[in-house]
C-alpha cells in the first residue's frame, strides 16, 4: 500500500511540475481586497535604549565541548534593573552548533537546575548563547527573529543582546535566546497527547536522536515527543506527505496551511542557506502539522561564500544571489504546484509589504528595523569589534566581509531591498 501511494504521489507531482507559469495574474486585485492588519510591531520585553546591554559572567574550571555539559557558575546582570539579577554556582555549559562550534568566538548552551526567566523572555532551564561570528553586521539573527515575530510566526524564539565574560575575559556581544524546544513559554505542546517537535536532518548520521524517514526520503529527528508515539508520528507525517498529491483540501486535513505559507514566505525572503538542510523545524499539535519555528539566520540575506554555494549564488545563471527561488524544496516543492497554495503565498507576500519594506526603509510603521537596531545597540556593536575584526572572515561558509561595519550593514540593506524587488517582479 505504501509503495502504491508513493508511486501515485510521484506521478502526480511530475505532472504538476510540468504545468507552466507560476506567477499569479490577479495580484493587484488581491492587494486591493486585503484590508485587514496582517501584522503588528511587537513591543520588546526588555527596554535597552540608552543603557548598556546586560552582562553574563560564566566561570568554569573545565573545558566545555559539544558532547557534554560541564559545571560552571553563571551570573546575569541586567544593567537597566528591569529584571532581577540571576546568579547560580551550579550551572552548566557546553559548546553548541556545528560549523560555528569550531569558530574562535565560541557559541554555548547554558543550563540551570531550575527554570529561569531571563530578561522577561519566559521560563526555561536551557538557553542558547549565539556568537554571530560569521555575520559582520551582528544583526541577521535578531532582524529575522523580530520580523518573524511581527509577521505572526508562532513560537519564534525570543532573543536579546548580551555581553559575555568568560572566565573573566570579555568575549564581546552575543544573543541570548530561547532554544527551539517544548515548553509553555517556548513551543507549547502536549507530549502526552502525541504532540511532537521535528527537525529535518541532512543525513541519518547527523544526529543520534530518535528518527523517522518519510516515503520521499526526508529524515526527521523527534526533538520532543514520546518514544511510544514514534509509529503514530511516522504514519501521520507520511499520510500528510501523501495528501499533497490530492490538492489543498486533502492537505488541510493534516496541515495548518497558513503556517506553511508564512514559513515559506519568510524563508524565501531571507533566503537562508540552511533551509532544507538543517535548522528546519515542524511540529505536530492537536492533530495538525505546522511549519516552524524559525531558527538560525546568520548565513542568510546574501552572507554566503560565493563558490561553496553554487546554487545559492546563481553561478550558472550569472545572476546576483538576491535572485532565484531557493526554498521550493522539501514539501514546499510539491505544495508550490497546488494553485491555491501559490495564491496564498503571493497574497501573503504582498499583504506584508509594509513590514518587509520597514526592514530597510522608514515607512508608516516607523523607523526601519536595521536603523532601529543600530540606534539602540550601535555602541555595543562598536565595542564588539574592538575584540573581533569586522573585516576578517572567521568561517569558510560566509561571505568575505567588507572593510567597515557600515559597509557590511549597507550590503545587508541593499540585498534585502533587491531581494524584495526581485520577488515582487516574479510574483506580479
Protein backbone atom coordinates (compact mmCIF):
# COMPACT_ATOMS: atom_id res chain seq x y z
CA UNK A 1 0.00 0.00 0.00
CA UNK A 2 2.79 2.42 0.90
CA UNK A 3 4.57 1.74 -2.39
CA UNK A 4 1.36 2.42 -4.33
CA UNK A 5 0.85 5.72 -2.51
CA UNK A 6 4.44 6.74 -3.14
CA UNK A 7 4.20 5.91 -6.85
CA UNK A 8 0.93 7.84 -7.12
CA UNK A 9 2.42 10.83 -5.32
CA UNK A 10 5.45 10.82 -7.60
CA UNK A 11 3.39 10.58 -10.81
CA UNK A 12 1.10 13.41 -9.81
CA UNK A 13 3.99 15.60 -8.73
CA UNK A 14 5.79 15.10 -12.03
CA UNK A 15 2.62 16.08 -13.84
CA UNK A 16 2.10 19.16 -11.71
CA UNK A 17 5.70 20.30 -12.03
CA UNK A 18 5.30 20.23 -15.81
CA UNK A 19 2.46 22.79 -15.59
CA UNK A 20 3.90 26.11 -16.75
CA UNK A 21 3.52 29.59 -15.29
CA UNK A 22 3.64 30.00 -11.52
CA UNK A 23 3.04 33.75 -11.47
CA UNK A 24 -0.32 34.96 -10.24
CA UNK A 25 -2.37 37.07 -12.63
CA UNK A 26 -4.66 38.85 -10.16
CA UNK A 27 -2.11 40.07 -7.61
CA UNK A 28 -3.18 43.73 -7.80
CA UNK A 29 -6.80 42.72 -7.27
CA UNK A 30 -5.92 40.66 -4.20
CA UNK A 31 -3.90 43.58 -2.78
CA UNK A 32 -6.86 45.94 -3.12
CA UNK A 33 -9.23 43.46 -1.47
CA UNK A 34 -6.93 42.92 1.54
CA UNK A 35 -7.81 45.50 4.21
CA UNK A 36 -7.02 43.62 7.42
CA UNK A 37 -3.99 44.42 9.55
CA UNK A 38 -1.78 41.37 8.87
CA UNK A 39 0.91 42.03 11.48
CA UNK A 40 1.97 44.19 14.39
CA UNK A 41 5.28 45.60 15.56
CA UNK A 42 5.78 43.71 18.81
CA UNK A 43 6.94 45.52 21.92
CA UNK A 44 10.19 44.25 23.38
CA UNK A 45 10.08 42.73 26.86
CA UNK A 46 13.40 44.36 27.60
CA UNK A 47 13.95 48.09 27.07
CA UNK A 48 17.67 48.57 26.50
CA UNK A 49 17.70 52.01 24.84
CA UNK A 50 20.26 54.35 26.41
CA UNK A 51 21.55 51.67 28.80
CA UNK A 52 24.45 49.25 28.48
CA UNK A 53 23.46 45.75 27.39
CA UNK A 54 23.07 43.07 30.06
CA UNK A 55 26.16 41.15 31.08
CA UNK A 56 26.60 37.41 31.56
CA UNK A 57 29.57 36.12 33.57
CA UNK A 58 30.48 32.46 33.17
CA UNK A 59 33.31 30.87 35.11
CA UNK A 60 34.39 27.25 34.87
CA UNK A 61 37.48 25.22 35.70
CA UNK A 62 36.73 22.71 32.96
CA UNK A 63 36.90 23.00 29.19
CA UNK A 64 33.41 22.58 27.67
CA UNK A 65 32.83 20.67 24.45
CA UNK A 66 29.91 19.76 22.18
CA UNK A 67 29.30 16.36 23.73
CA UNK A 68 28.51 17.10 27.36
CA UNK A 69 27.84 19.87 29.85
CA UNK A 70 30.44 20.89 32.42
CA UNK A 71 29.80 22.69 35.69
CA UNK A 72 30.02 26.47 35.76
CA UNK A 73 28.96 29.46 37.83
CA UNK A 74 26.69 31.82 35.90
CA UNK A 75 25.72 35.38 36.72
CA UNK A 76 23.45 37.59 34.62
CA UNK A 77 23.31 41.30 35.41
CA UNK A 78 20.55 43.49 33.96
CA UNK A 79 22.02 46.99 33.67
CA UNK A 80 18.55 48.50 33.26
CA UNK A 81 17.33 46.98 36.57
CA UNK A 82 14.07 45.96 34.90
CA UNK A 83 14.73 42.36 35.88
CA UNK A 84 16.42 40.83 38.88
CA UNK A 85 19.98 39.60 38.51
CA UNK A 86 20.44 35.84 38.29
CA UNK A 87 23.36 34.11 39.99
CA UNK A 88 23.97 30.37 40.37
CA UNK A 89 27.01 28.32 41.29
CA UNK A 90 25.64 25.01 39.95
CA UNK A 91 25.00 25.98 36.35
CA UNK A 92 26.23 24.04 33.33
CA UNK A 93 27.70 24.94 29.96
CA UNK A 94 28.54 23.18 26.69
CA UNK A 95 29.62 24.22 23.21
CA UNK A 96 26.73 24.41 20.73
CA UNK A 97 26.38 24.36 16.94
CA UNK A 98 28.13 22.53 14.13
CA UNK A 99 30.33 24.73 11.92
CA UNK A 100 30.09 27.61 14.39
CA UNK A 101 31.28 25.36 17.22
CA UNK A 102 34.77 25.46 15.75
CA UNK A 103 34.97 29.25 15.47
CA UNK A 104 37.16 31.41 17.67
CA UNK A 105 34.15 33.16 19.20
CA UNK A 106 32.52 30.08 20.65
CA UNK A 107 28.73 29.68 20.94
CA UNK A 108 27.39 27.95 24.07
CA UNK A 109 24.33 26.34 25.57
CA UNK A 110 23.81 27.04 29.24
CA UNK A 111 21.60 25.09 31.65
CA UNK A 112 20.22 25.78 35.10
CA UNK A 113 18.94 23.29 37.68
CA UNK A 114 15.55 25.01 37.58
CA UNK A 115 13.77 27.34 35.18
CA UNK A 116 14.93 30.95 34.96
CA UNK A 117 13.17 33.91 33.37
CA UNK A 118 15.98 35.80 31.65
CA UNK A 119 15.22 39.41 30.70
CA UNK A 120 11.49 38.73 30.57
CA UNK A 121 11.74 36.18 27.76
CA UNK A 122 9.98 33.39 29.67
CA UNK A 123 10.95 30.46 31.84
CA UNK A 124 13.44 27.85 30.71
CA UNK A 125 16.22 25.71 32.15
CA UNK A 126 18.19 25.84 28.90
CA UNK A 127 19.34 28.91 26.97
CA UNK A 128 21.48 29.49 23.89
CA UNK A 129 24.34 31.96 23.55
CA UNK A 130 24.65 32.75 19.83
CA UNK A 131 28.03 34.22 18.83
CA UNK A 132 27.07 35.63 15.38
CA UNK A 133 30.74 35.24 14.46
CA UNK A 134 30.04 34.69 10.76
CA UNK A 135 27.78 37.74 10.42
CA UNK A 136 29.74 41.03 10.26
CA UNK A 137 26.56 43.03 10.98
CA UNK A 138 25.72 41.01 14.13
CA UNK A 139 22.07 41.55 13.28
CA UNK A 140 20.81 38.98 10.79
CA UNK A 141 19.52 36.66 13.52
CA UNK A 142 17.91 39.49 15.51
CA UNK A 143 16.43 41.08 12.37
CA UNK A 144 14.99 37.76 11.19
CA UNK A 145 13.58 36.75 14.58
CA UNK A 146 11.95 40.15 15.11
CA UNK A 147 10.49 40.05 11.60
CA UNK A 148 9.11 36.53 12.12
CA UNK A 149 7.51 37.55 15.40
CA UNK A 150 5.98 40.69 13.87
CA UNK A 151 4.73 38.62 10.94
CA UNK A 152 2.97 36.31 13.39
CA UNK A 153 5.01 33.11 13.08
CA UNK A 154 4.15 31.11 16.17
CA UNK A 155 6.75 30.19 18.78
CA UNK A 156 9.52 32.33 17.30
CA UNK A 157 12.32 32.22 19.91
CA UNK A 158 12.88 35.43 21.86
CA UNK A 159 16.40 36.87 21.82
CA UNK A 160 18.29 39.73 23.45
CA UNK A 161 21.81 41.03 23.04
CA UNK A 162 24.13 40.34 25.97
CA UNK A 163 27.85 40.80 26.63
CA UNK A 164 29.71 37.64 27.64
CA UNK A 165 32.59 37.50 30.11
CA UNK A 166 34.07 34.00 30.08
CA UNK A 167 36.49 33.25 32.91
CA UNK A 168 36.93 36.99 33.34
CA UNK A 169 37.69 37.72 29.67
CA UNK A 170 35.36 39.90 27.59
CA UNK A 171 34.14 37.87 24.60
CA UNK A 172 32.02 40.62 23.08
CA UNK A 173 28.37 40.70 22.08
CA UNK A 174 26.19 37.58 21.89
CA UNK A 175 22.49 36.87 21.53
CA UNK A 176 20.92 35.00 24.42
CA UNK A 177 17.95 33.08 23.03
CA UNK A 178 15.28 30.64 23.98
CA UNK A 179 16.07 27.25 22.41
CA UNK A 180 13.63 25.67 19.99
CA UNK A 181 12.13 23.17 22.40
CA UNK A 182 8.89 22.22 24.12
CA UNK A 183 7.62 24.42 26.93
CA UNK A 184 4.84 26.79 27.92
CA UNK A 185 7.00 29.82 27.05
CA UNK A 186 8.54 28.10 24.01
CA UNK A 187 6.79 25.57 21.72
CA UNK A 188 3.63 24.81 23.66
CA UNK A 189 2.91 21.11 23.08
CA UNK A 190 1.08 18.38 24.93
CA UNK A 191 3.50 15.49 24.56
CA UNK A 192 1.18 13.15 26.46
CA UNK A 193 -1.38 13.57 23.67
CA UNK A 194 1.05 12.74 20.88
CA UNK A 195 2.23 16.28 20.02
CA UNK A 196 5.87 16.47 18.92
CA UNK A 197 8.64 18.70 17.55
CA UNK A 198 10.54 17.58 14.44
CA UNK A 199 13.82 18.78 12.94
CA UNK A 200 15.00 17.97 9.43
CA UNK A 201 18.37 16.20 9.19
CA UNK A 202 20.73 16.23 6.19
CA UNK A 203 21.59 12.56 6.71
CA UNK A 204 20.93 9.72 9.13
CA UNK A 205 24.27 10.04 10.92
CA UNK A 206 23.88 13.76 11.65
CA UNK A 207 22.14 13.12 14.97
CA UNK A 208 21.80 10.18 17.36
CA UNK A 209 18.26 11.16 18.37
CA UNK A 210 15.16 9.12 17.55
CA UNK A 211 14.29 9.50 13.85
CA UNK A 212 11.60 8.92 11.28
CA UNK A 213 12.01 8.71 7.50
CA UNK A 214 9.28 9.63 5.02
CA UNK A 215 8.38 7.87 1.77
CA UNK A 216 10.22 10.58 -0.19
CA UNK A 217 13.36 10.10 1.91
CA UNK A 218 13.15 13.06 4.30
CA UNK A 219 14.78 12.37 7.66
CA UNK A 220 13.50 14.00 10.84
CA UNK A 221 14.65 13.74 14.42
CA UNK A 222 11.94 13.78 17.05
CA UNK A 223 13.32 16.61 19.15
CA UNK A 224 10.41 16.46 21.58
CA UNK A 225 7.94 13.60 21.83
CA UNK A 226 7.19 10.29 23.49
CA UNK A 227 9.11 7.20 22.34
CA UNK A 228 5.90 5.16 22.32
CA UNK A 229 4.39 7.57 19.77
CA UNK A 230 7.06 7.11 17.08
CA UNK A 231 4.92 4.80 14.91
CA UNK A 232 1.93 7.16 15.12
CA UNK A 233 4.14 10.15 14.34
CA UNK A 234 5.73 8.40 11.36
CA UNK A 235 2.33 7.36 9.98
CA UNK A 236 0.88 10.85 10.40
CA UNK A 237 3.82 12.56 8.68
CA UNK A 238 3.72 10.10 5.78
CA UNK A 239 -0.05 10.47 5.45
CA UNK A 240 0.44 14.24 5.29
CA UNK A 241 3.15 13.83 2.66
CA UNK A 242 0.88 11.63 0.57
CA UNK A 243 -2.01 14.10 0.88
CA UNK A 244 -0.13 16.73 -1.11
CA UNK A 245 -0.81 14.77 -4.29
CA UNK A 246 -4.55 15.24 -3.83
CA UNK A 247 -4.75 19.03 -3.58
CA UNK A 248 -5.37 21.70 -0.99
CA UNK A 249 -8.46 20.16 0.62
CA UNK A 250 -6.61 16.93 1.34
CA UNK A 251 -3.61 18.81 2.70
CA UNK A 252 -5.78 20.88 5.03
CA UNK A 253 -6.96 17.69 6.74
CA UNK A 254 -3.41 17.25 8.05
CA UNK A 255 -1.69 20.65 7.97
CA UNK A 256 -2.14 24.20 9.12
CA UNK A 257 -1.77 25.76 5.67
CA UNK A 258 -1.29 29.33 6.92
CA UNK A 259 1.79 28.29 8.90
CA UNK A 260 3.29 26.69 5.78
CA UNK A 261 2.51 29.83 3.76
CA UNK A 262 4.11 32.17 6.30
CA UNK A 263 7.13 29.91 6.82
CA UNK A 264 7.74 29.73 3.07
CA UNK A 265 7.35 33.48 2.51
CA UNK A 266 9.65 34.25 5.42
CA UNK A 267 12.40 31.87 4.31
CA UNK A 268 12.20 32.79 0.64
CA UNK A 269 12.58 36.45 1.57
CA UNK A 270 15.65 35.95 3.78
CA UNK A 271 17.00 33.13 1.58
CA UNK A 272 18.57 31.22 4.44
CA UNK A 273 21.32 28.96 3.15
CA UNK A 274 20.47 26.17 5.63
CA UNK A 275 16.87 25.87 4.50
CA UNK A 276 16.02 22.24 3.67
CA UNK A 277 19.33 21.11 5.16
CA UNK A 278 19.28 21.78 8.90
CA UNK A 279 17.67 24.13 11.44
CA UNK A 280 14.36 23.43 9.67
CA UNK A 281 11.57 22.61 12.11
CA UNK A 282 7.99 21.36 12.04
CA UNK A 283 5.69 20.43 14.88
CA UNK A 284 2.53 18.39 15.30
CA UNK A 285 -0.06 19.87 17.65
CA UNK A 286 -3.64 18.74 18.23
CA UNK A 287 -3.70 16.60 15.10
CA UNK A 288 -2.19 19.12 12.66
CA UNK A 289 1.34 19.62 11.35
CA UNK A 290 2.72 23.17 11.41
CA UNK A 291 5.80 24.65 9.75
CA UNK A 292 8.29 26.28 12.14
CA UNK A 293 9.56 27.65 14.41
CA UNK A 294 12.24 29.63 12.57
CA UNK A 295 15.88 29.33 13.65
CA UNK A 296 19.45 30.25 12.63
CA UNK A 297 19.80 33.08 10.11
CA UNK A 298 23.42 34.21 10.35
CA UNK A 299 24.06 32.71 6.90
CA UNK A 300 21.13 34.38 5.15
CA UNK A 301 20.46 37.55 3.16
CA UNK A 302 23.48 37.10 0.90
CA UNK A 303 26.00 36.26 3.63
CA UNK A 304 27.37 33.11 1.97
CA UNK A 305 30.61 32.03 0.33
CA UNK A 306 30.47 32.54 -3.43
CA UNK A 307 31.97 29.25 -4.62
CA UNK A 308 30.80 26.88 -1.88
CA UNK A 309 27.11 27.59 -2.52
CA UNK A 310 26.80 27.50 -6.31
CA UNK A 311 23.01 27.18 -6.39
CA UNK A 312 22.50 29.97 -3.86
CA UNK A 313 24.76 32.28 -5.83
CA UNK A 314 23.20 31.50 -9.24
CA UNK A 315 26.67 30.91 -10.70
CA UNK A 316 25.40 29.02 -13.75
CA UNK A 317 22.79 31.70 -14.48
CA UNK A 318 25.26 34.58 -13.93
CA UNK A 319 22.74 36.35 -11.68
CA UNK A 320 23.18 38.15 -8.37
CA UNK A 321 22.42 35.96 -5.35
CA UNK A 322 19.39 38.03 -4.35
CA UNK A 323 17.69 36.47 -7.38
CA UNK A 324 16.29 32.96 -7.69
CA UNK A 325 13.82 30.81 -5.78
CA UNK A 326 15.71 28.89 -3.12
CA UNK A 327 13.12 27.43 -0.76
CA UNK A 328 10.93 25.39 -3.10
CA UNK A 329 12.37 22.29 -1.51
CA UNK A 330 11.11 19.53 0.80
CA UNK A 331 7.30 19.50 0.86
CA UNK A 332 7.27 23.08 -0.44
CA UNK A 333 8.45 21.77 -3.83
CA UNK A 334 5.16 19.91 -4.14
CA UNK A 335 2.93 22.38 -2.33
CA UNK A 336 4.05 25.02 -4.82
CA UNK A 337 2.40 23.02 -7.59
CA UNK A 338 -1.01 23.45 -5.92
CA UNK A 339 -2.63 26.62 -7.36
CA UNK A 340 -4.40 27.53 -4.11
CA UNK A 341 -1.14 27.33 -2.17
CA UNK A 342 0.66 29.54 -4.70
CA UNK A 343 -2.14 32.11 -4.47
CA UNK A 344 -1.97 32.15 -0.68
CA UNK A 345 1.80 32.67 -0.79
CA UNK A 346 1.62 35.54 -3.26
CA UNK A 347 -1.31 37.17 -1.45
CA UNK A 348 0.56 36.96 1.85
CA UNK A 349 3.78 38.32 0.36
CA UNK A 350 2.05 41.43 -0.96
CA UNK A 351 -0.08 41.78 2.16
CA UNK A 352 3.00 42.19 4.35
CA UNK A 353 4.86 44.56 2.03
CA UNK A 354 4.84 47.40 4.61
CA UNK A 355 6.53 45.08 7.10
CA UNK A 356 9.08 43.90 4.52
CA UNK A 357 9.87 47.43 3.39
CA UNK A 358 10.24 48.53 7.02
CA UNK A 359 13.19 46.16 7.38
CA UNK A 360 15.27 48.61 5.35
CA UNK A 361 13.35 51.82 4.82
CA UNK A 362 11.31 54.18 7.02
CA UNK A 363 7.58 54.00 6.30
CA UNK A 364 4.20 54.20 8.04
CA UNK A 365 5.41 51.61 10.56
CA UNK A 366 8.17 53.91 11.76
CA UNK A 367 11.96 53.88 11.69
CA UNK A 368 13.25 50.93 9.69
CA UNK A 369 14.36 47.88 11.68
CA UNK A 370 18.02 47.99 10.61
CA UNK A 371 18.46 51.58 11.76
CA UNK A 372 16.37 50.90 14.86
CA UNK A 373 18.75 48.12 15.91
CA UNK A 374 21.79 50.30 15.22
CA UNK A 375 20.29 53.23 17.13
CA UNK A 376 19.87 51.03 20.19
CA UNK A 377 22.91 48.78 20.00
CA UNK A 378 25.38 50.74 17.87
CA UNK A 379 27.84 51.40 20.70
CA UNK A 380 27.72 47.74 21.71
CA UNK A 381 28.49 46.70 18.13
CA UNK A 382 31.46 49.07 18.10
CA UNK A 383 32.73 47.58 21.34
CA UNK A 384 32.39 44.04 19.95
CA UNK A 385 34.63 44.97 17.04
CA UNK A 386 37.36 46.19 19.33
CA UNK A 387 37.66 42.50 20.27
CA UNK A 388 36.87 40.93 16.89
CA UNK A 389 37.88 42.11 13.42
CA UNK A 390 34.85 43.18 11.37
CA UNK A 391 36.73 42.67 8.08
CA UNK A 392 38.05 39.17 8.86
CA UNK A 393 36.20 36.09 7.61
CA UNK A 394 36.09 33.73 10.59
CA UNK A 395 34.45 30.82 8.79
CA UNK A 396 34.62 29.25 5.30
CA UNK A 397 30.87 29.38 4.59
CA UNK A 398 30.20 33.11 4.96
CA UNK A 399 30.74 35.97 2.53
CA UNK A 400 34.10 37.74 2.66
CA UNK A 401 33.27 40.79 4.81
CA UNK A 402 33.67 44.35 3.58
CA UNK A 403 36.24 46.52 5.31
CA UNK A 404 33.95 48.51 7.65
CA UNK A 405 30.89 47.78 9.75
CA UNK A 406 28.90 50.45 7.91
CA UNK A 407 29.66 48.87 4.52
CA UNK A 408 28.50 45.46 5.75
CA UNK A 409 25.25 46.97 7.03
CA UNK A 410 24.60 48.71 3.73
CA UNK A 411 25.25 45.46 1.87
CA UNK A 412 22.57 43.80 4.02
CA UNK A 413 20.14 46.67 3.46
CA UNK A 414 20.68 46.71 -0.31
CA UNK A 415 20.44 42.94 -0.54
CA UNK A 416 17.04 42.86 1.22
CA UNK A 417 15.72 45.67 -1.00
CA UNK A 418 16.89 43.89 -4.13
CA UNK A 419 15.53 40.55 -2.92
CA UNK A 420 12.11 42.03 -2.24
CA UNK A 421 12.06 43.75 -5.64
CA UNK A 422 13.03 40.51 -7.40
CA UNK A 423 10.25 38.59 -5.66
CA UNK A 424 7.73 41.33 -6.43
CA UNK A 425 8.66 41.18 -10.09
CA UNK A 426 8.33 37.38 -10.16
CA UNK A 427 5.00 37.33 -8.37
CA UNK A 428 3.27 40.28 -10.05
